[in-house]
C-alpha atoms as a PDB file:
ATOM      1  CA  MET A   1       0.000   0.000   0.000  1.00  0.00           C
ATOM      2  CA  LYS A   2       1.273   3.449  -0.872  1.00  0.00           C
ATOM      3  CA  THR A   3       2.005   5.941   1.845  1.00  0.00           C
ATOM      4  CA  SER A   4      -0.033   9.097   2.263  1.00  0.00           C
ATOM      5  CA  SER A   5       2.789  11.376   1.043  1.00  0.00           C
ATOM      6  CA  SER A   6       3.214   9.191  -2.027  1.00  0.00           C
ATOM      7  CA  ASN A   7      -0.508   9.546  -2.818  1.00  0.00           C
ATOM      8  CA  VAL A   8      -0.311  13.317  -2.405  1.00  0.00           C
ATOM      9  CA  SER A   9       2.742  13.474  -4.653  1.00  0.00           C
ATOM     10  CA  THR A  10       0.971  11.400  -7.304  1.00  0.00           C
ATOM     11  CA  ILE A  11      -2.132  13.598  -7.193  1.00  0.00           C
ATOM     12  CA  PHE A  12       0.004  16.770  -7.246  1.00  0.00           C
ATOM     13  CA  SER A  13       1.870  15.491 -10.309  1.00  0.00           C
ATOM     14  CA  PHE A  14      -1.395  14.595 -12.045  1.00  0.00           C
ATOM     15  CA  VAL A  15      -2.910  18.023 -11.361  1.00  0.00           C
ATOM     16  CA  LEU A  16       0.166  19.848 -12.647  1.00  0.00           C
ATOM     17  CA  ARG A  17       0.193  17.789 -15.845  1.00  0.00           C
ATOM     18  CA  ALA A  18      -3.547  18.338 -16.299  1.00  0.00           C
ATOM     19  CA  VAL A  19      -3.095  22.110 -15.973  1.00  0.00           C
ATOM     20  CA  ALA A  20      -0.301  22.029 -18.552  1.00  0.00           C
ATOM     21  CA  MET A  21      -2.483  20.047 -20.960  1.00  0.00           C
ATOM     22  CA  ALA A  22      -5.414  22.413 -20.404  1.00  0.00           C
ATOM     23  CA  MET A  23      -3.233  25.442 -21.144  1.00  0.00           C
ATOM     24  CA  ALA A  24      -1.984  23.836 -24.363  1.00  0.00           C
ATOM     25  CA  VAL A  25      -5.493  22.948 -25.518  1.00  0.00           C
ATOM     26  CA  ALA A  26      -6.807  26.403 -24.642  1.00  0.00           C
ATOM     27  CA  THR A  27      -3.952  27.997 -26.585  1.00  0.00           C
ATOM     28  CA  VAL A  28      -4.661  25.927 -29.677  1.00  0.00           C
ATOM     29  CA  VAL A  29      -8.413  26.557 -29.560  1.00  0.00           C
ATOM     30  CA  LEU A  30      -8.082  30.285 -28.954  1.00  0.00           C
ATOM     31  CA  GLY A  31      -5.478  30.519 -31.696  1.00  0.00           C
ATOM     32  CA  ILE A  32      -7.719  28.737 -34.188  1.00  0.00           C
ATOM     33  CA  LEU A  33     -10.708  30.873 -33.270  1.00  0.00           C
ATOM     34  CA  GLY A  34      -8.604  34.029 -33.402  1.00  0.00           C
ATOM     35  CA  THR A  35     -10.131  35.373 -30.197  1.00  0.00           C
ATOM     36  CA  ALA A  36      -6.891  35.942 -28.289  1.00  0.00           C
ATOM     37  CA  ASP A  37      -3.865  38.047 -29.084  1.00  0.00           C
ATOM     38  CA  THR A  38      -0.331  36.679 -29.157  1.00  0.00           C
ATOM     39  CA  ASP A  39       0.524  37.964 -25.673  1.00  0.00           C
ATOM     40  CA  THR A  40      -2.329  35.963 -24.166  1.00  0.00           C
ATOM     41  CA  LEU A  41      -1.341  32.807 -26.015  1.00  0.00           C
ATOM     42  CA  VAL A  42       2.288  33.116 -24.903  1.00  0.00           C
ATOM     43  CA  THR A  43       1.143  33.667 -21.323  1.00  0.00           C
ATOM     44  CA  LEU A  44      -0.993  30.513 -21.412  1.00  0.00           C
ATOM     45  CA  LEU A  45       1.911  28.492 -22.799  1.00  0.00           C
ATOM     46  CA  GLY A  46       4.170  29.977 -20.115  1.00  0.00           C
ATOM     47  CA  ILE A  47       1.777  28.849 -17.381  1.00  0.00           C
ATOM     48  CA  GLY A  48       1.750  25.351 -18.858  1.00  0.00           C
ATOM     49  CA  LEU A  49       5.534  25.236 -19.037  1.00  0.00           C
ATOM     50  CA  PHE A  50       5.783  26.476 -15.451  1.00  0.00           C
ATOM     51  CA  THR A  51       3.514  23.693 -14.201  1.00  0.00           C
ATOM     52  CA  LEU A  52       5.596  21.097 -16.047  1.00  0.00           C
ATOM     53  CA  ALA A  53       8.736  22.538 -14.459  1.00  0.00           C
ATOM     54  CA  LEU A  54       7.144  22.302 -11.007  1.00  0.00           C
ATOM     55  CA  ASP A  55       6.258  18.671 -11.709  1.00  0.00           C
ATOM     56  CA  ALA A  56       9.830  17.912 -12.756  1.00  0.00           C
ATOM     57  CA  LEU A  57      11.225  19.588  -9.649  1.00  0.00           C
ATOM     58  CA  ASP A  58       8.803  17.693  -7.427  1.00  0.00           C
ATOM     59  CA  ARG A  59       9.850  14.358  -8.918  1.00  0.00           C
ATOM     60  CA  GLY A  60      13.562  15.029  -8.434  1.00  0.00           C
ATOM     61  CA  PRO A  61      16.398  13.484 -10.403  1.00  0.00           C
ATOM     62  CA  GLU A  62      15.760  10.165 -12.137  1.00  0.00           C
ATOM     63  CA  PRO A  63      17.727   7.239 -10.726  1.00  0.00           C
ATOM     64  CA  GLU A  64      20.347   5.808 -13.033  1.00  0.00           C
END
């Protein structure tokens, strides 16, 4: 059975990846519709990249 901190880490990782995916999808849709300017699209992609970076930092280095 997984420990409580392991479950929290798994959920945290899932949420961060879901936010990154949502930002990417929103960027594509808004870009296709033409309803957002370039600054907004870059900001959304930046938020997605930031959440992926947080996920990578939370996981730590991969064992060799």
